[in-house]
Amino acid sequence: MLPLSEEQRVKLGLELATKRQEHADLKETIRLLENVPKADRMMIQRIKKRKLAIKDRIIELEKILLPEIIA
């Protein structure tokens, strides 16, 4: 992989921060909805699927921005 420019690192860093916040927001939404007796279970499943996709993107971004150091 080619080294990232400072502009690319900033852009990806902002995306990472945004995705982390979105993931946390969805986690809280799921927690709240699961405590509602008549909550729409299909909606909760869609939110969980979206949360998982965001988690996958977070992992990708972390691998790009924080590559493993081979000792």
C-alpha atoms as a PDB file:
ATOM      1  CA  MET A   1       0.000   0.000   0.000  1.00  0.00           C
ATOM      2  CA  LEU A   2       1.266   3.448  -0.887  1.00  0.00           C
ATOM      3  CA  PRO A   3       1.880   5.950   1.903  1.00  0.00           C
ATOM      4  CA  LEU A   4      -1.009   8.306   2.569  1.00  0.00           C
ATOM      5  CA  SER A   5      -0.741  12.037   2.068  1.00  0.00           C
ATOM      6  CA  GLU A   6      -1.547  14.252   5.025  1.00  0.00           C
ATOM      7  CA  GLU A   7      -4.801  15.260   3.305  1.00  0.00           C
ATOM      8  CA  GLN A   8      -5.797  11.605   2.888  1.00  0.00           C
ATOM      9  CA  ARG A   9      -4.961  10.840   6.523  1.00  0.00           C
ATOM     10  CA  VAL A  10      -7.096  13.763   7.703  1.00  0.00           C
ATOM     11  CA  LYS A  11     -10.012  12.753   5.464  1.00  0.00           C
ATOM     12  CA  LEU A  12      -9.882   9.129   6.620  1.00  0.00           C
ATOM     13  CA  GLY A  13      -9.448  10.209  10.242  1.00  0.00           C
ATOM     14  CA  LEU A  14     -12.599  12.322  10.016  1.00  0.00           C
ATOM     15  CA  GLU A  15     -14.487   9.434   8.440  1.00  0.00           C
ATOM     16  CA  LEU A  16     -13.280   7.133  11.219  1.00  0.00           C
ATOM     17  CA  ALA A  17     -14.447   9.534  13.930  1.00  0.00           C
ATOM     18  CA  THR A  18     -17.808   9.930  12.194  1.00  0.00           C
ATOM     19  CA  LYS A  19     -18.275   6.163  11.853  1.00  0.00           C
ATOM     20  CA  ARG A  20     -17.367   5.583  15.499  1.00  0.00           C
ATOM     21  CA  GLN A  21     -19.970   8.134  16.594  1.00  0.00           C
ATOM     22  CA  GLU A  22     -22.588   6.677  14.254  1.00  0.00           C
ATOM     23  CA  HIS A  23     -21.849   3.180  15.613  1.00  0.00           C
ATOM     24  CA  ALA A  24     -22.252   4.400  19.200  1.00  0.00           C
ATOM     25  CA  ASP A  25     -25.503   6.174  18.311  1.00  0.00           C
ATOM     26  CA  LEU A  26     -26.924   3.034  16.692  1.00  0.00           C
ATOM     27  CA  LYS A  27     -25.857   0.940  19.679  1.00  0.00           C
ATOM     28  CA  GLU A  28     -27.777   3.272  21.982  1.00  0.00           C
ATOM     29  CA  THR A  29     -30.800   3.286  19.657  1.00  0.00           C
ATOM     30  CA  ILE A  30     -30.860  -0.514  19.654  1.00  0.00           C
ATOM     31  CA  ARG A  31     -30.593  -0.608  23.441  1.00  0.00           C
ATOM     32  CA  LEU A  32     -33.529   1.763  23.791  1.00  0.00           C
ATOM     33  CA  LEU A  33     -35.697   0.001  21.206  1.00  0.00           C
ATOM     34  CA  GLU A  34     -35.103  -3.410  22.731  1.00  0.00           C
ATOM     35  CA  ASN A  35     -36.656  -2.125  25.950  1.00  0.00           C
ATOM     36  CA  VAL A  36     -39.848  -1.022  24.175  1.00  0.00           C
ATOM     37  CA  PRO A  37     -42.448  -3.808  24.441  1.00  0.00           C
ATOM     38  CA  LYS A  38     -44.044  -3.237  21.026  1.00  0.00           C
ATOM     39  CA  ALA A  39     -40.916  -2.205  19.107  1.00  0.00           C
ATOM     40  CA  ASP A  40     -40.698  -3.147  15.443  1.00  0.00           C
ATOM     41  CA  ARG A  41     -38.357  -6.162  15.432  1.00  0.00           C
ATOM     42  CA  MET A  42     -37.648  -5.808  11.699  1.00  0.00           C
ATOM     43  CA  MET A  43     -36.509  -2.228  12.247  1.00  0.00           C
ATOM     44  CA  ILE A  44     -34.216  -3.342  15.064  1.00  0.00           C
ATOM     45  CA  GLN A  45     -32.709  -6.007  12.781  1.00  0.00           C
ATOM     46  CA  ARG A  46     -32.118  -3.418  10.025  1.00  0.00           C
ATOM     47  CA  ILE A  47     -30.410  -1.119  12.529  1.00  0.00           C
ATOM     48  CA  LYS A  48     -28.229  -3.997  13.761  1.00  0.00           C
ATOM     49  CA  LYS A  49     -27.251  -4.816  10.183  1.00  0.00           C
ATOM     50  CA  ARG A  50     -26.323  -1.165   9.551  1.00  0.00           C
ATOM     51  CA  LYS A  51     -24.331  -1.105  12.804  1.00  0.00           C
ATOM     52  CA  LEU A  52     -22.403  -4.189  11.694  1.00  0.00           C
ATOM     53  CA  ALA A  53     -21.607  -2.633   8.302  1.00  0.00           C
ATOM     54  CA  ILE A  54     -20.317   0.478  10.064  1.00  0.00           C
ATOM     55  CA  LYS A  55     -18.170  -1.675  12.361  1.00  0.00           C
ATOM     56  CA  ASP A  56     -16.660  -3.352   9.289  1.00  0.00           C
ATOM     57  CA  ARG A  57     -15.806   0.063   7.825  1.00  0.00           C
ATOM     58  CA  ILE A  58     -14.279   1.161  11.149  1.00  0.00           C
ATOM     59  CA  ILE A  59     -12.009  -1.891  11.067  1.00  0.00           C
ATOM     60  CA  GLU A  60     -10.982  -1.113   7.468  1.00  0.00           C
ATOM     61  CA  LEU A  61     -10.179   2.497   8.349  1.00  0.00           C
ATOM     62  CA  GLU A  62      -8.194   1.480  11.429  1.00  0.00           C
ATOM     63  CA  LYS A  63      -6.123  -0.947   9.345  1.00  0.00           C
ATOM     64  CA  ILE A  64      -5.341   1.845   6.885  1.00  0.00           C
ATOM     65  CA  LEU A  65      -4.576   4.488   9.485  1.00  0.00           C
ATOM     66  CA  LEU A  66      -2.975   2.300  12.141  1.00  0.00           C
ATOM     67  CA  PRO A  67      -1.090  -0.420  10.265  1.00  0.00           C
ATOM     68  CA  GLU A  68       0.406  -3.209  12.311  1.00  0.00           C
ATOM     69  CA  ILE A  69       4.059  -2.666  13.155  1.00  0.00           C
ATOM     70  CA  ILE A  70       6.121  -5.686  12.286  1.00  0.00           C
ATOM     71  CA  ALA A  71       8.747  -6.064  14.988  1.00  0.00           C
END
